[in-house]
Protein backbone atom coordinates (compact mmCIF):
# COMPACT_ATOMS: atom_id res chain seq x y z
CA MET A 1 -20.95 -23.81 -0.49
CA GLU A 2 -23.29 -22.14 2.00
CA SER A 3 -20.75 -19.37 2.58
CA TYR A 4 -20.50 -18.84 -1.16
CA TYR A 5 -24.25 -18.31 -1.50
CA ILE A 6 -24.24 -15.92 1.45
CA LEU A 7 -21.46 -13.96 -0.24
CA VAL A 8 -23.39 -13.80 -3.49
CA LEU A 9 -26.55 -12.72 -1.65
CA LEU A 10 -24.73 -9.96 0.24
CA ALA A 11 -23.07 -8.77 -2.93
CA GLY A 12 -26.43 -8.74 -4.72
CA ILE A 13 -27.97 -6.63 -1.97
CA LEU A 14 -25.08 -4.17 -2.14
CA VAL A 15 -25.26 -3.93 -5.92
CA ALA A 16 -29.02 -3.39 -5.82
CA PHE A 17 -28.61 -0.63 -3.24
CA VAL A 18 -25.95 1.12 -5.30
CA LEU A 19 -28.02 0.93 -8.49
CA LEU A 20 -31.01 2.50 -6.74
CA VAL A 21 -28.88 5.37 -5.52
CA LEU A 22 -27.26 5.81 -8.92
CA ILE A 23 -30.66 6.14 -10.58
CA ALA A 24 -31.39 9.09 -8.33
CA THR A 25 -28.04 10.79 -8.85
CA ASP A 26 -25.64 11.50 -11.67
CA HIS A 27 -22.55 10.68 -9.63
CA PHE A 28 -22.16 7.44 -11.54
CA PHE A 29 -20.98 9.37 -14.57
CA LYS A 30 -18.75 11.97 -12.94
CA GLU A 31 -15.50 10.15 -12.23
CA GLN A 32 -12.90 9.60 -14.93
CA ILE A 33 -12.68 5.89 -15.70
CA PRO A 34 -10.01 5.21 -18.35
CA SER A 35 -11.31 2.99 -21.14
CA ASP A 36 -8.25 0.75 -20.89
CA VAL A 37 -8.39 0.22 -17.13
CA ASP A 38 -9.10 -3.27 -15.81
CA GLN A 39 -12.89 -3.90 -16.17
CA PRO A 40 -14.03 -0.23 -16.18
CA ALA A 41 -17.74 -0.86 -15.54
CA LYS A 42 -17.04 -2.91 -12.43
CA LEU A 43 -14.52 -0.35 -11.19
CA ARG A 44 -17.04 2.46 -11.64
CA LEU A 45 -19.68 0.55 -9.69
CA TYR A 46 -17.33 -0.24 -6.81
CA HIS A 47 -16.09 3.33 -6.71
CA CYS A 48 -19.62 4.69 -6.45
CA LEU A 49 -20.31 2.38 -3.51
CA TYR A 50 -17.09 3.52 -1.88
CA THR A 51 -17.95 7.17 -2.45
CA LEU A 52 -21.44 6.77 -1.01
CA MET A 53 -19.95 5.31 2.13
CA ASP A 54 -17.20 7.87 2.44
CA ILE A 55 -19.03 9.85 5.08
CA LEU A 56 -19.68 6.71 7.12
CA HIS A 57 -16.21 6.04 8.48
CA THR A 58 -17.23 3.11 10.68
CA LEU A 59 -19.09 1.40 7.87
CA ILE A 60 -16.09 1.71 5.57
CA ARG A 61 -13.95 0.06 8.21
CA LEU A 62 -16.48 -2.75 8.48
CA ILE A 63 -16.56 -3.33 4.72
CA THR A 64 -12.79 -3.10 4.30
CA GLY A 65 -12.50 -5.61 7.12
CA GLY A 66 -13.33 -8.18 4.48
CA LEU A 67 -15.64 -11.16 4.45
CA PRO A 68 -14.59 -14.31 6.31
CA ALA A 69 -12.50 -16.64 4.16
CA TRP A 70 -12.92 -20.39 3.66
CA GLN A 71 -11.25 -22.81 6.02
CA ASP A 72 -7.86 -23.84 4.68
CA SER A 73 -6.73 -27.44 5.06
CA GLN A 74 -3.21 -26.60 3.86
CA LEU A 75 -2.38 -24.10 6.60
CA PHE A 76 -2.17 -23.78 10.35
CA ILE A 77 -3.54 -20.32 11.19
CA LYS A 78 -3.14 -18.75 14.61
CA ASP A 79 -3.64 -15.30 16.14
CA LEU A 80 -0.79 -14.03 18.30
CA HIS A 81 0.74 -10.78 19.57
CA PHE A 82 4.29 -9.60 18.84
CA ASP A 83 5.29 -7.00 21.43
CA GLY A 84 1.64 -6.07 21.88
CA VAL A 85 0.92 -5.90 18.13
CA PRO A 86 -1.90 -8.19 16.93
CA MET A 87 -0.76 -10.54 14.19
CA ARG A 88 -1.89 -13.68 12.42
CA ILE A 89 0.54 -16.38 11.38
CA TYR A 90 0.02 -18.78 8.47
CA LEU A 91 2.13 -21.96 8.58
CA PRO A 92 2.04 -24.60 5.83
CA ARG A 93 0.92 -27.97 7.23
CA GLU A 94 3.16 -29.94 4.89
CA PRO A 95 6.42 -30.84 6.70
CA SER A 96 9.54 -29.18 5.33
CA ALA A 97 13.01 -30.72 5.13
CA SER A 98 14.55 -27.37 6.06
CA LYS A 99 13.53 -24.09 7.59
CA ARG A 100 11.10 -22.11 5.49
CA ARG A 101 11.16 -18.59 4.17
CA GLY A 102 9.28 -15.99 6.24
CA VAL A 103 7.07 -13.22 4.85
CA ILE A 104 5.97 -10.25 6.93
CA PHE A 105 2.87 -8.72 5.33
CA ILE A 106 1.79 -5.17 6.20
CA HIS A 107 -1.66 -4.24 4.91
CA GLY A 108 -2.74 -1.01 3.23
CA GLY A 109 -5.69 1.25 3.96
CA CYS A 110 -4.18 4.74 4.40
CA GLY A 111 -3.32 3.88 8.00
CA ILE A 112 -6.96 4.38 8.94
CA PHE A 113 -8.69 1.41 7.24
CA GLY A 114 -7.96 -2.25 6.66
CA SER A 115 -7.22 -5.17 8.95
CA ILE A 116 -5.70 -8.62 9.18
CA ARG A 117 -9.03 -10.07 8.11
CA SER A 118 -9.33 -7.93 5.00
CA TYR A 119 -6.04 -9.40 3.73
CA GLU A 120 -6.82 -12.97 4.78
CA ARG A 121 -7.11 -14.36 1.25
CA ILE A 122 -3.96 -12.59 0.13
CA CYS A 123 -1.82 -13.90 3.00
CA ARG A 124 -3.16 -17.43 2.65
CA TYR A 125 -2.37 -17.41 -1.06
CA ILE A 126 1.19 -16.16 -0.47
CA ALA A 127 1.77 -18.83 2.19
CA ARG A 128 0.46 -21.65 -0.02
CA LYS A 129 1.98 -20.63 -3.35
CA SER A 130 5.41 -19.66 -2.03
CA ASP A 131 5.57 -22.35 0.69
CA SER A 132 6.35 -19.65 3.24
CA VAL A 133 5.42 -18.84 6.81
CA VAL A 134 3.46 -15.60 6.52
CA VAL A 135 2.96 -13.14 9.37
CA SER A 136 0.20 -10.55 8.85
CA LEU A 137 0.60 -7.48 11.08
CA GLY A 138 -2.52 -5.87 12.54
CA TYR A 139 -1.14 -2.49 13.53
CA HIS A 140 -3.58 -0.19 15.33
CA LEU A 141 -5.29 2.37 13.14
CA ALA A 142 -5.22 6.16 13.16
CA PRO A 143 -6.53 8.56 14.24
CA GLU A 144 -7.35 6.66 17.47
CA PHE A 145 -3.68 5.66 17.63
CA ARG A 146 -1.67 8.68 16.65
CA TYR A 147 1.23 8.76 14.20
CA PRO A 148 3.87 7.33 14.36
CA ALA A 149 2.26 4.45 16.30
CA GLN A 150 1.63 2.47 13.10
CA THR A 151 5.22 2.56 11.86
CA LEU A 152 6.61 1.88 15.32
CA GLU A 153 4.31 -1.11 15.79
CA CYS A 154 5.34 -2.55 12.41
CA LEU A 155 8.98 -2.02 13.34
CA SER A 156 8.58 -3.61 16.76
CA ALA A 157 6.71 -6.64 15.42
CA THR A 158 9.25 -7.12 12.62
CA VAL A 159 12.16 -7.08 15.06
CA HIS A 160 10.34 -9.57 17.28
CA PHE A 161 9.82 -11.95 14.35
CA LEU A 162 13.44 -11.61 13.20
CA LYS A 163 14.59 -12.57 16.70
CA THR A 164 12.16 -15.49 17.11
CA ALA A 165 11.97 -16.82 13.54
CA ASP A 166 13.40 -20.20 14.54
CA THR A 167 10.40 -20.74 16.81
CA TYR A 168 8.13 -20.82 13.75
CA GLY A 169 10.39 -22.95 11.57
CA VAL A 170 11.65 -19.92 9.65
CA ASP A 171 15.18 -19.30 8.44
CA PRO A 172 15.98 -15.82 9.87
CA ALA A 173 18.21 -15.13 6.85
CA ARG A 174 15.25 -15.57 4.46
CA ILE A 175 12.67 -13.05 5.67
CA VAL A 176 10.86 -10.82 3.17
CA VAL A 177 8.84 -7.73 4.11
CA CYS A 178 5.83 -6.99 1.90
CA GLY A 179 3.17 -4.26 1.87
CA ASP A 180 0.68 -2.52 -0.38
CA SER A 181 -0.18 1.20 -0.49
CA VAL A 182 0.56 2.61 2.98
CA GLY A 183 1.59 -0.91 3.92
CA GLY A 184 4.32 -0.38 1.34
CA THR A 185 5.20 2.86 3.11
CA PHE A 186 5.50 1.04 6.43
CA ALA A 187 7.47 -1.81 4.84
CA THR A 188 9.87 0.70 3.28
CA SER A 189 10.27 2.55 6.56
CA VAL A 190 10.91 -0.66 8.49
CA CYS A 191 13.62 -1.73 6.04
CA GLN A 192 15.23 1.70 6.18
CA GLU A 193 15.27 1.79 9.97
CA LEU A 194 16.82 -1.67 10.23
CA VAL A 195 19.62 -1.36 7.66
CA HIS A 196 22.30 -0.52 10.22
CA ARG A 197 21.12 -2.84 13.01
CA THR A 198 23.75 -5.46 13.79
CA ASP A 199 21.97 -7.21 16.66
CA ILE A 200 19.33 -8.90 14.49
CA PRO A 201 19.27 -10.75 11.14
CA LYS A 202 19.05 -8.65 7.99
CA ILE A 203 15.84 -8.38 5.97
CA ARG A 204 16.44 -10.44 2.83
CA ALA A 205 14.12 -8.57 0.45
CA GLN A 206 11.16 -6.19 0.29
CA VAL A 207 8.03 -6.15 -1.89
CA LEU A 208 6.37 -2.76 -2.39
CA ILE A 209 2.98 -2.79 -4.12
CA TYR A 210 1.90 0.67 -5.37
CA PRO A 211 3.47 2.32 -2.29
CA PHE A 212 3.01 5.89 -1.07
CA LEU A 213 6.55 7.26 -0.70
CA GLN A 214 6.56 11.05 -0.72
CA ALA A 215 4.37 14.00 0.30
CA LEU A 216 6.29 16.87 -1.27
CA ASN A 217 4.96 16.90 -4.81
CA PHE A 218 1.35 16.11 -5.67
CA ASN A 219 1.72 17.36 -9.24
CA LEU A 220 3.79 14.60 -10.78
CA PRO A 221 2.62 13.16 -14.13
CA SER A 222 0.70 10.32 -12.46
CA HIS A 223 -1.05 12.80 -10.16
CA GLN A 224 -2.26 14.75 -13.17
CA LYS A 225 -3.15 11.75 -15.31
CA ASN A 226 -4.99 9.83 -12.57
CA ALA A 227 -6.32 12.72 -10.47
CA ALA A 228 -9.92 11.51 -10.80
CA VAL A 229 -9.34 7.76 -11.23
CA PRO A 230 -10.67 5.42 -8.49
CA PHE A 231 -9.93 4.25 -5.92
CA LEU A 232 -7.41 6.85 -4.81
CA LEU A 233 -8.27 10.25 -6.25
CA ARG A 234 -5.55 12.88 -5.97
CA GLU A 235 -7.45 15.10 -3.55
CA ARG A 236 -8.55 12.08 -1.51
CA ALA A 237 -4.94 10.93 -1.17
CA VAL A 238 -4.04 14.20 0.54
CA HIS A 239 -7.24 14.12 2.58
CA PHE A 240 -6.31 10.68 3.95
CA ILE A 241 -2.74 11.77 4.69
CA LEU A 242 -4.10 14.61 6.83
CA LYS A 243 -6.58 12.26 8.54
CA TYR A 244 -3.78 9.80 9.25
CA LEU A 245 -1.62 12.52 10.79
CA ASN A 246 -4.63 13.93 12.69
CA LYS A 247 -4.29 17.31 10.94
CA ASP A 248 -6.88 19.88 9.89
CA CYS A 249 -8.23 18.80 6.50
CA SER A 250 -8.50 22.46 5.44
CA LEU A 251 -4.76 22.13 4.67
CA LYS A 252 -5.60 19.91 1.69
CA GLU A 253 -5.81 22.60 -1.00
CA PRO A 254 -2.50 24.35 -0.20
CA MET A 255 -0.81 20.94 -0.03
CA LEU A 256 -2.19 19.96 -3.42
CA ALA A 257 -0.77 23.20 -4.79
CA GLY A 258 2.62 22.58 -3.16
CA SER A 259 2.43 25.59 -0.85
CA HIS A 260 3.63 23.50 2.11
CA VAL A 261 7.15 23.08 0.69
CA PRO A 262 9.72 25.91 0.93
CA GLU A 263 12.00 26.43 -2.05
CA THR A 264 15.05 25.31 -0.05
CA ILE A 265 13.48 21.87 0.46
CA ASN A 266 12.33 21.69 -3.16
CA LEU A 267 15.89 22.39 -4.29
CA LYS A 268 17.38 19.91 -1.83
CA TYR A 269 15.20 17.01 -2.93
CA ARG A 270 14.83 17.82 -6.62
CA LYS A 271 17.52 15.23 -7.34
CA TRP A 272 15.10 12.57 -6.00
CA ILE A 273 11.59 13.98 -6.53
CA SER A 274 10.99 15.66 -9.86
CA PRO A 275 8.95 15.04 -13.02
CA ASP A 276 12.26 15.23 -14.88
CA LEU A 277 13.14 11.84 -13.38
CA ILE A 278 10.02 10.15 -14.76
CA PRO A 279 10.59 8.27 -18.05
CA ASP A 280 9.14 10.05 -21.08
CA GLU A 281 6.65 7.26 -21.85
CA PHE A 282 4.90 8.07 -18.56
CA LYS A 283 4.72 11.82 -19.18
CA VAL A 284 2.35 11.97 -22.13
CA GLY A 285 0.04 14.96 -21.62
CA TYR A 286 1.93 16.22 -18.58
CA LYS A 287 1.86 20.00 -18.00
CA PRO A 288 4.23 21.62 -15.48
CA PRO A 289 2.15 23.27 -12.73
CA LEU A 290 2.12 27.02 -12.29
CA PRO A 291 4.38 28.44 -9.56
CA THR A 292 2.67 28.62 -6.18
CA LEU A 293 3.12 30.85 -3.16
CA PHE A 294 4.88 29.22 -0.21
CA LEU A 295 2.78 29.42 2.98
CA PRO A 296 4.97 29.15 6.10
CA GLN A 297 1.99 28.53 8.39
CA VAL A 298 1.00 25.48 6.35
CA HIS A 299 4.58 24.20 6.36
CA GLU A 300 4.72 24.46 10.15
CA GLU A 301 1.51 22.46 10.49
CA VAL A 302 2.74 19.49 8.44
CA GLN A 303 6.35 19.00 9.54
CA GLU A 304 5.80 15.23 9.74
CA LEU A 305 5.55 15.07 5.94
CA PHE A 306 9.28 15.69 5.68
CA GLU A 307 10.23 12.74 7.86
CA PRO A 308 11.36 9.52 6.10
CA ARG A 309 8.72 7.61 8.07
CA VAL A 310 6.07 9.44 6.04
CA SER A 311 8.15 10.17 2.93
CA PRO A 312 10.69 7.34 2.59
CA LEU A 313 11.97 8.87 -0.65
CA LEU A 314 13.70 11.47 1.52
CA ALA A 315 15.99 8.94 3.22
CA GLU A 316 19.68 9.65 2.76
CA ASP A 317 21.83 7.68 0.32
CA ALA A 318 23.73 6.10 3.22
CA VAL A 319 20.48 4.35 4.14
CA VAL A 320 19.17 3.64 0.64
CA CYS A 321 22.38 2.00 -0.56
CA ALA A 322 22.16 -0.59 2.24
CA LEU A 323 18.59 -1.69 1.47
CA PRO A 324 17.80 -5.29 0.49
CA ASP A 325 16.73 -6.56 -2.93
CA THR A 326 13.43 -4.94 -3.85
CA CYS A 327 10.36 -5.74 -5.92
CA ILE A 328 8.21 -2.74 -6.88
CA VAL A 329 4.79 -3.12 -8.47
CA THR A 330 3.25 -0.04 -10.08
CA CYS A 331 -0.12 0.38 -11.78
CA GLU A 332 -0.74 2.61 -14.78
CA HIS A 333 -4.04 4.03 -13.51
CA ASP A 334 -2.75 4.93 -10.06
CA VAL A 335 -2.12 8.39 -8.71
CA LEU A 336 0.88 6.94 -6.80
CA ARG A 337 2.47 5.35 -9.86
CA ASP A 338 5.32 7.85 -9.99
CA ASP A 339 6.25 7.32 -6.34
CA GLY A 340 7.19 3.78 -7.29
CA LEU A 341 9.05 4.93 -10.42
CA LEU A 342 11.07 7.49 -8.45
CA TYR A 343 11.99 4.99 -5.74
CA LYS A 344 12.99 2.45 -8.38
CA LYS A 345 15.44 4.98 -9.82
CA ARG A 346 16.80 5.89 -6.37
CA LEU A 347 17.43 2.27 -5.50
CA GLU A 348 19.08 1.53 -8.85
CA ASP A 349 21.24 4.65 -8.55
CA ASN A 350 22.42 3.24 -5.22
CA ASN A 351 23.16 -0.20 -6.70
CA VAL A 352 20.24 -1.96 -5.03
CA HIS A 353 18.84 -4.80 -7.12
CA VAL A 354 15.29 -3.95 -8.25
CA THR A 355 12.66 -6.13 -9.89
CA TRP A 356 9.94 -3.92 -11.37
CA HIS A 357 6.53 -4.94 -12.62
CA HIS A 358 4.16 -2.45 -14.23
CA VAL A 359 0.50 -3.45 -14.52
CA GLU A 360 -0.89 -1.59 -17.54
CA LYS A 361 -4.56 -2.06 -16.66
CA GLY A 362 -4.07 -1.88 -12.91
CA PHE A 363 -5.41 0.71 -10.50
CA HIS A 364 -4.82 1.60 -6.87
CA ALA A 365 -6.27 -0.92 -4.40
CA ALA A 366 -6.68 -3.63 -7.06
CA LEU A 367 -4.91 -6.15 -4.81
CA GLY A 368 -7.62 -5.79 -2.17
CA PHE A 369 -10.13 -7.51 -4.47
CA PHE A 370 -8.04 -10.66 -4.79
CA GLY A 371 -9.81 -13.91 -3.95
CA TYR A 372 -13.41 -12.73 -4.33
CA GLY A 373 -14.22 -14.66 -7.50
CA ILE A 374 -16.38 -12.72 -9.95
CA PHE A 375 -16.02 -9.62 -7.76
CA SER A 376 -12.26 -9.59 -8.33
CA PHE A 377 -10.23 -8.15 -11.23
CA PRO A 378 -7.64 -9.77 -13.51
CA SER A 379 -5.11 -7.20 -12.32
CA SER A 380 -5.67 -8.40 -8.73
CA ASN A 381 -4.29 -11.80 -9.74
CA THR A 382 -1.51 -10.25 -11.81
CA ILE A 383 -0.25 -8.19 -8.88
CA ILE A 384 -0.23 -10.98 -6.30
CA ASN A 385 1.43 -13.41 -8.70
CA HIS A 386 4.21 -10.91 -9.41
CA ALA A 387 4.76 -10.68 -5.65
CA VAL A 388 4.68 -14.46 -5.15
CA ASP A 389 7.08 -15.12 -8.03
CA PHE A 390 9.54 -12.65 -6.55
CA ILE A 391 9.20 -14.07 -3.02
CA LYS A 392 9.86 -17.60 -4.28
CA GLY A 393 13.32 -16.49 -5.40
CA TYR A 394 14.51 -15.88 -1.82
């Protein structure tokens, strides 16, 4: 109980600080908070705190590192390294008559925030509720570790676990890869890169929670609708992509306009990335953007955006058709909503079995609030329970 009171005290201090700042500024009223989003007043408050800290990169990392979780009598928890990648494994204490399912969890945070600790409650919950051995990957963050270090570390650690699953009481034929936001990007990339490997067991399924999947078009219906909705504003999404790739952030505006993509590439990938592929019910109020001037110098600076490791939607059909069963969770008030919708269509067009859950009141990063009691959101629980229910089927 002492930890609970400490948590409440810290939260009270943070709330008091934010309220004092908000009194002195009008920022509190500037962002667009949809009236039907999950608990709009709480979301506005959290977003203001996040915005105030935006210039303090180190402090954001500290906060997103999460608060220590309770001890868990149902799980063995141990820190290890897989091929040099920090990881934390969660093993149910209850003996099992057979080998358990394994879950590899890859956390979000734009590749520059987040940690094993910040997803502690989420991974514990998945392990307990699905009776699985969960491995949480602590890939090293950018920009200190340059792209593609994060994807390669996730790939290396996944391969290591697939090869050594028996050691942890895991059935190597029942391993699920799961990730949220950029963790969903990394999970998608890992599954794509392993589809043709014959020397290791196959990934059984993947869970992608509001994943980032393409960097060609930032003017899809969800980009327009949710451009100013916390926690991932449209312009901030591009800003974080550039930070992750260690690029000059002055490229943000031409990228938002689409000036980084030559017409040849637009034509090539229009069959996979286009507002025409978004169902009509998600296009209410959408306005096609005005034509923009292609800027070759910008294109040359951001070549990485056209690699499947950054934009998994660009993977060829020969790869996509071999992917495992997939669960995709999208949120209505999320700038990345349409990435998930487009990937859902691509997978289905390639005869991959897809389970799709759409959280009407959800927003980007909602999962990160799971397990914090009154500081959480109903959509946080909805998202993780969709993931757990899917995982339990494998």
